N, C-alpha and C. Protein backbone atom coordinates (compact mmCIF):
# COMPACT_ATOMS: atom_id res chain seq x y z
N MET A 1 0.84 -1.17 0.00
CA MET A 1 0.00 0.00 0.00
C MET A 1 0.88 1.23 0.00
N THR A 2 0.62 2.10 -0.94
CA THR A 2 1.34 3.36 -1.02
C THR A 2 0.34 4.50 -0.87
N GLY A 3 0.82 5.73 -0.88
CA GLY A 3 -0.09 6.87 -0.85
C GLY A 3 0.08 7.73 0.38
N ARG A 4 -0.92 8.48 0.68
CA ARG A 4 -0.97 9.49 1.73
C ARG A 4 0.04 9.30 2.85
N SER A 5 -0.34 9.56 4.03
CA SER A 5 0.59 9.49 5.17
C SER A 5 0.80 8.04 5.61
N LEU A 6 1.88 7.83 6.33
CA LEU A 6 2.16 6.49 6.87
C LEU A 6 1.00 6.03 7.76
N ALA A 7 0.43 6.94 8.52
CA ALA A 7 -0.70 6.59 9.39
C ALA A 7 -1.88 6.07 8.57
N ASP A 8 -2.18 6.72 7.44
CA ASP A 8 -3.27 6.26 6.58
C ASP A 8 -2.95 4.92 5.94
N ARG A 9 -1.70 4.75 5.50
CA ARG A 9 -1.32 3.46 4.91
C ARG A 9 -1.43 2.35 5.93
N ARG A 10 -0.96 2.61 7.14
CA ARG A 10 -1.06 1.58 8.19
C ARG A 10 -2.52 1.28 8.54
N ALA A 11 -3.34 2.32 8.65
CA ALA A 11 -4.76 2.12 8.96
C ALA A 11 -5.42 1.26 7.89
N ALA A 12 -5.12 1.56 6.62
CA ALA A 12 -5.70 0.78 5.52
C ALA A 12 -5.18 -0.66 5.55
N ALA A 13 -3.91 -0.83 5.84
CA ALA A 13 -3.32 -2.17 5.89
C ALA A 13 -3.98 -3.01 6.98
N TYR A 14 -4.14 -2.44 8.16
CA TYR A 14 -4.75 -3.21 9.25
C TYR A 14 -6.24 -3.44 9.02
N ALA A 15 -6.93 -2.48 8.39
CA ALA A 15 -8.35 -2.69 8.06
C ALA A 15 -8.47 -3.84 7.06
N MET A 16 -7.58 -3.86 6.08
CA MET A 16 -7.57 -4.95 5.11
C MET A 16 -7.27 -6.29 5.77
N ALA A 17 -6.30 -6.30 6.66
CA ALA A 17 -5.93 -7.53 7.37
C ALA A 17 -7.11 -8.06 8.19
N GLU A 18 -7.82 -7.18 8.86
CA GLU A 18 -8.99 -7.61 9.65
C GLU A 18 -10.04 -8.24 8.76
N ARG A 19 -10.31 -7.62 7.60
CA ARG A 19 -11.33 -8.15 6.70
C ARG A 19 -10.93 -9.53 6.16
N LEU A 20 -9.68 -9.67 5.79
CA LEU A 20 -9.23 -10.97 5.26
C LEU A 20 -9.20 -12.03 6.36
N ALA A 21 -8.76 -11.67 7.54
CA ALA A 21 -8.72 -12.62 8.66
C ALA A 21 -10.13 -13.08 9.02
N ALA A 22 -11.09 -12.17 8.94
CA ALA A 22 -12.48 -12.53 9.25
C ALA A 22 -13.01 -13.59 8.27
N GLU A 23 -12.42 -13.66 7.08
CA GLU A 23 -12.80 -14.67 6.10
C GLU A 23 -11.99 -15.95 6.24
N GLY A 24 -11.13 -15.98 7.25
CA GLY A 24 -10.33 -17.17 7.48
C GLY A 24 -9.01 -17.22 6.74
N ARG A 25 -8.63 -16.12 6.12
CA ARG A 25 -7.34 -16.08 5.41
C ARG A 25 -6.22 -15.78 6.38
N ARG A 26 -5.06 -16.30 6.07
CA ARG A 26 -3.87 -16.00 6.87
C ARG A 26 -3.27 -14.71 6.32
N VAL A 27 -3.00 -13.78 7.20
CA VAL A 27 -2.54 -12.46 6.76
C VAL A 27 -1.51 -11.90 7.74
N GLN A 28 -0.54 -11.16 7.21
CA GLN A 28 0.49 -10.53 8.04
C GLN A 28 0.75 -9.13 7.49
N VAL A 29 0.72 -8.13 8.38
CA VAL A 29 1.07 -6.76 8.01
C VAL A 29 2.53 -6.55 8.38
N LEU A 30 3.33 -6.14 7.40
CA LEU A 30 4.74 -5.81 7.63
C LEU A 30 4.82 -4.30 7.74
N ASP A 31 4.61 -3.77 8.95
CA ASP A 31 4.43 -2.33 9.09
C ASP A 31 5.65 -1.56 9.56
N ARG A 32 6.82 -2.14 9.52
CA ARG A 32 8.03 -1.41 9.91
C ARG A 32 8.90 -1.11 8.70
N PHE A 33 8.27 -1.05 7.54
CA PHE A 33 8.97 -0.86 6.28
C PHE A 33 9.07 0.63 5.99
N ASP A 34 10.28 1.13 5.74
CA ASP A 34 10.42 2.57 5.47
C ASP A 34 10.90 2.88 4.06
N GLY A 35 11.05 1.87 3.23
CA GLY A 35 11.37 2.10 1.83
C GLY A 35 12.84 2.37 1.53
N SER A 36 13.74 2.18 2.47
CA SER A 36 15.14 2.49 2.20
C SER A 36 15.95 1.24 1.90
N GLY A 37 16.75 1.31 0.87
CA GLY A 37 17.74 0.32 0.46
C GLY A 37 17.57 -1.11 0.92
N ALA A 38 18.46 -1.54 1.82
CA ALA A 38 18.48 -2.93 2.29
C ALA A 38 17.20 -3.30 3.00
N ARG A 39 16.58 -2.36 3.69
CA ARG A 39 15.32 -2.68 4.38
C ARG A 39 14.23 -3.04 3.38
N SER A 40 14.14 -2.31 2.29
CA SER A 40 13.11 -2.63 1.29
C SER A 40 13.39 -3.99 0.66
N GLU A 41 14.65 -4.31 0.45
CA GLU A 41 15.03 -5.61 -0.09
C GLU A 41 14.62 -6.74 0.87
N ARG A 42 14.92 -6.56 2.15
CA ARG A 42 14.54 -7.57 3.16
C ARG A 42 13.03 -7.69 3.27
N THR A 43 12.34 -6.57 3.24
CA THR A 43 10.89 -6.60 3.35
C THR A 43 10.28 -7.29 2.14
N GLY A 44 10.81 -7.00 0.95
CA GLY A 44 10.33 -7.68 -0.25
C GLY A 44 10.53 -9.17 -0.17
N MET A 45 11.68 -9.58 0.35
CA MET A 45 11.97 -11.01 0.50
C MET A 45 11.00 -11.63 1.53
N THR A 46 10.79 -10.96 2.63
CA THR A 46 9.87 -11.46 3.66
C THR A 46 8.46 -11.59 3.10
N ALA A 47 8.00 -10.57 2.38
CA ALA A 47 6.65 -10.61 1.79
C ALA A 47 6.53 -11.75 0.79
N ALA A 48 7.57 -11.97 0.00
CA ALA A 48 7.54 -13.06 -0.98
C ALA A 48 7.50 -14.42 -0.30
N VAL A 49 8.27 -14.60 0.75
CA VAL A 49 8.26 -15.88 1.48
C VAL A 49 6.88 -16.14 2.08
N LEU A 50 6.31 -15.11 2.69
CA LEU A 50 4.97 -15.26 3.27
C LEU A 50 3.96 -15.62 2.18
N ALA A 51 4.00 -14.91 1.06
CA ALA A 51 3.05 -15.15 -0.02
C ALA A 51 3.20 -16.56 -0.59
N ARG A 52 4.43 -17.02 -0.76
CA ARG A 52 4.66 -18.38 -1.26
C ARG A 52 4.06 -19.43 -0.34
N ASN A 53 3.92 -19.09 0.93
CA ASN A 53 3.38 -20.02 1.91
C ASN A 53 1.90 -19.78 2.20
N GLY A 54 1.24 -19.07 1.30
CA GLY A 54 -0.20 -18.89 1.39
C GLY A 54 -0.66 -17.80 2.34
N ILE A 55 0.23 -16.94 2.75
CA ILE A 55 -0.11 -15.85 3.66
C ILE A 55 -0.16 -14.56 2.87
N VAL A 56 -1.23 -13.79 3.03
CA VAL A 56 -1.33 -12.48 2.39
C VAL A 56 -0.43 -11.53 3.17
N ALA A 57 0.57 -10.98 2.51
CA ALA A 57 1.49 -10.02 3.13
C ALA A 57 1.08 -8.63 2.69
N ILE A 58 0.79 -7.77 3.65
CA ILE A 58 0.40 -6.39 3.35
C ILE A 58 1.52 -5.49 3.85
N VAL A 59 2.03 -4.64 2.93
CA VAL A 59 3.17 -3.79 3.26
C VAL A 59 2.80 -2.33 3.01
N PRO A 60 2.54 -1.56 4.07
CA PRO A 60 2.32 -0.12 3.89
C PRO A 60 3.68 0.55 3.70
N CYS A 61 3.93 1.12 2.51
CA CYS A 61 5.26 1.66 2.24
C CYS A 61 5.18 2.93 1.39
N ALA A 62 6.28 3.63 1.33
CA ALA A 62 6.40 4.79 0.46
C ALA A 62 6.44 4.31 -0.98
N THR A 63 5.99 5.13 -1.90
CA THR A 63 5.93 4.75 -3.31
C THR A 63 7.27 4.26 -3.83
N GLU A 64 8.35 4.96 -3.48
CA GLU A 64 9.67 4.56 -3.97
C GLU A 64 10.10 3.20 -3.43
N GLY A 65 9.65 2.82 -2.26
CA GLY A 65 9.98 1.51 -1.70
C GLY A 65 9.23 0.38 -2.36
N ALA A 66 8.08 0.68 -2.94
CA ALA A 66 7.27 -0.36 -3.57
C ALA A 66 7.94 -0.95 -4.79
N VAL A 67 8.84 -0.21 -5.43
CA VAL A 67 9.52 -0.69 -6.63
C VAL A 67 10.25 -2.01 -6.34
N THR A 68 10.98 -2.07 -5.23
CA THR A 68 11.74 -3.27 -4.88
C THR A 68 10.81 -4.43 -4.57
N VAL A 69 9.76 -4.17 -3.80
CA VAL A 69 8.81 -5.23 -3.44
C VAL A 69 8.13 -5.76 -4.70
N ARG A 70 7.70 -4.86 -5.57
CA ARG A 70 7.04 -5.25 -6.82
C ARG A 70 7.97 -6.11 -7.68
N ALA A 71 9.21 -5.68 -7.84
CA ALA A 71 10.17 -6.40 -8.68
C ALA A 71 10.41 -7.81 -8.16
N ARG A 72 10.55 -7.97 -6.85
CA ARG A 72 10.80 -9.29 -6.27
C ARG A 72 9.62 -10.21 -6.55
N HIS A 73 8.41 -9.72 -6.36
CA HIS A 73 7.23 -10.56 -6.59
C HIS A 73 7.08 -10.92 -8.06
N GLU A 74 7.28 -9.95 -8.95
CA GLU A 74 7.16 -10.23 -10.38
C GLU A 74 8.20 -11.25 -10.83
N ALA A 75 9.41 -11.13 -10.33
CA ALA A 75 10.49 -12.06 -10.72
C ALA A 75 10.19 -13.49 -10.29
N SER A 76 9.49 -13.65 -9.18
CA SER A 76 9.22 -15.00 -8.68
C SER A 76 7.83 -15.50 -9.06
N GLY A 77 7.06 -14.67 -9.78
CA GLY A 77 5.73 -15.09 -10.22
C GLY A 77 4.69 -15.12 -9.12
N ILE A 78 4.94 -14.41 -8.03
CA ILE A 78 4.00 -14.36 -6.91
C ILE A 78 2.98 -13.26 -7.15
N ARG A 79 1.72 -13.55 -6.89
CA ARG A 79 0.65 -12.58 -7.07
C ARG A 79 0.95 -11.32 -6.26
N TYR A 80 0.76 -10.18 -6.89
CA TYR A 80 1.11 -8.90 -6.28
C TYR A 80 0.05 -7.87 -6.66
N VAL A 81 -0.44 -7.13 -5.69
CA VAL A 81 -1.39 -6.07 -5.94
C VAL A 81 -0.87 -4.83 -5.23
N GLU A 82 -0.83 -3.72 -5.96
CA GLU A 82 -0.39 -2.46 -5.35
C GLU A 82 -1.58 -1.53 -5.24
N MET A 83 -1.77 -0.95 -4.06
CA MET A 83 -2.91 -0.08 -3.80
C MET A 83 -2.40 1.25 -3.28
N SER A 84 -2.92 2.35 -3.83
CA SER A 84 -2.58 3.68 -3.34
C SER A 84 -3.71 4.18 -2.44
N VAL A 85 -3.36 4.62 -1.25
CA VAL A 85 -4.33 5.11 -0.28
C VAL A 85 -4.52 6.60 -0.54
N THR A 86 -5.71 6.98 -1.04
CA THR A 86 -6.00 8.38 -1.36
C THR A 86 -7.44 8.69 -0.98
N GLY A 87 -7.77 9.97 -0.92
CA GLY A 87 -9.15 10.37 -0.68
C GLY A 87 -9.48 10.58 0.78
N LYS A 88 -10.66 11.17 1.01
CA LYS A 88 -11.10 11.55 2.35
C LYS A 88 -11.22 10.35 3.29
N ASP A 89 -11.86 9.30 2.84
CA ASP A 89 -12.04 8.10 3.66
C ASP A 89 -11.07 7.01 3.22
N ALA A 90 -9.86 7.42 2.93
CA ALA A 90 -8.85 6.56 2.30
C ALA A 90 -8.66 5.19 2.94
N PRO A 91 -8.39 5.10 4.24
CA PRO A 91 -8.09 3.76 4.78
C PRO A 91 -9.22 2.75 4.58
N GLN A 92 -10.44 3.11 4.89
CA GLN A 92 -11.54 2.16 4.75
C GLN A 92 -11.88 1.88 3.30
N GLU A 93 -11.90 2.94 2.45
CA GLU A 93 -12.19 2.74 1.03
C GLU A 93 -11.11 1.88 0.38
N SER A 94 -9.87 2.15 0.69
CA SER A 94 -8.77 1.38 0.11
C SER A 94 -8.83 -0.07 0.56
N ALA A 95 -9.14 -0.31 1.82
CA ALA A 95 -9.24 -1.67 2.32
C ALA A 95 -10.35 -2.43 1.61
N ALA A 96 -11.48 -1.77 1.39
CA ALA A 96 -12.60 -2.42 0.70
C ALA A 96 -12.24 -2.75 -0.74
N MET A 97 -11.58 -1.83 -1.44
CA MET A 97 -11.19 -2.07 -2.82
C MET A 97 -10.15 -3.18 -2.91
N LEU A 98 -9.18 -3.17 -2.02
CA LEU A 98 -8.14 -4.19 -2.05
C LEU A 98 -8.73 -5.57 -1.75
N LYS A 99 -9.69 -5.62 -0.85
CA LYS A 99 -10.34 -6.90 -0.54
C LYS A 99 -10.98 -7.47 -1.80
N LYS A 100 -11.62 -6.62 -2.59
CA LYS A 100 -12.23 -7.09 -3.84
C LYS A 100 -11.18 -7.66 -4.78
N LEU A 101 -10.02 -6.99 -4.85
CA LEU A 101 -8.95 -7.48 -5.72
C LEU A 101 -8.41 -8.83 -5.25
N PHE A 102 -8.26 -8.99 -3.96
CA PHE A 102 -7.71 -10.24 -3.42
C PHE A 102 -8.69 -11.39 -3.51
N THR A 103 -9.97 -11.11 -3.41
CA THR A 103 -10.95 -12.19 -3.38
C THR A 103 -11.53 -12.50 -4.77
N ALA A 104 -11.17 -11.68 -5.77
CA ALA A 104 -11.66 -11.93 -7.12
C ALA A 104 -11.01 -13.19 -7.68
N ARG A 105 -11.75 -13.91 -8.41
CA ARG A 105 -11.22 -15.12 -9.06
C ARG A 105 -10.36 -14.71 -10.24
N ARG A 106 -9.29 -15.45 -10.44
CA ARG A 106 -8.42 -15.16 -11.59
C ARG A 106 -8.94 -15.85 -12.81
């Protein structure tokens, strides 16, 4: 999740996690990600490992940090969805939209 303030990204991430957990999905929010160099690389690797093991990994991050996470997932063929948190009711609206993306059939 990218976009507005870190607080909004975190709020949207945890709202999304709650919705997915309520459906019985395994989910983990990686909320200590700041988008810098080695940390973004480690976070991308952690998210990929979780996703490979059937866990939805939600990473609230700065836009520039998402590049590394996106690249790692694309390289390994792991499903990846990027959501930008924007608007007045951003956290809840973003969580609802992301839930639709995750629960849609491929």
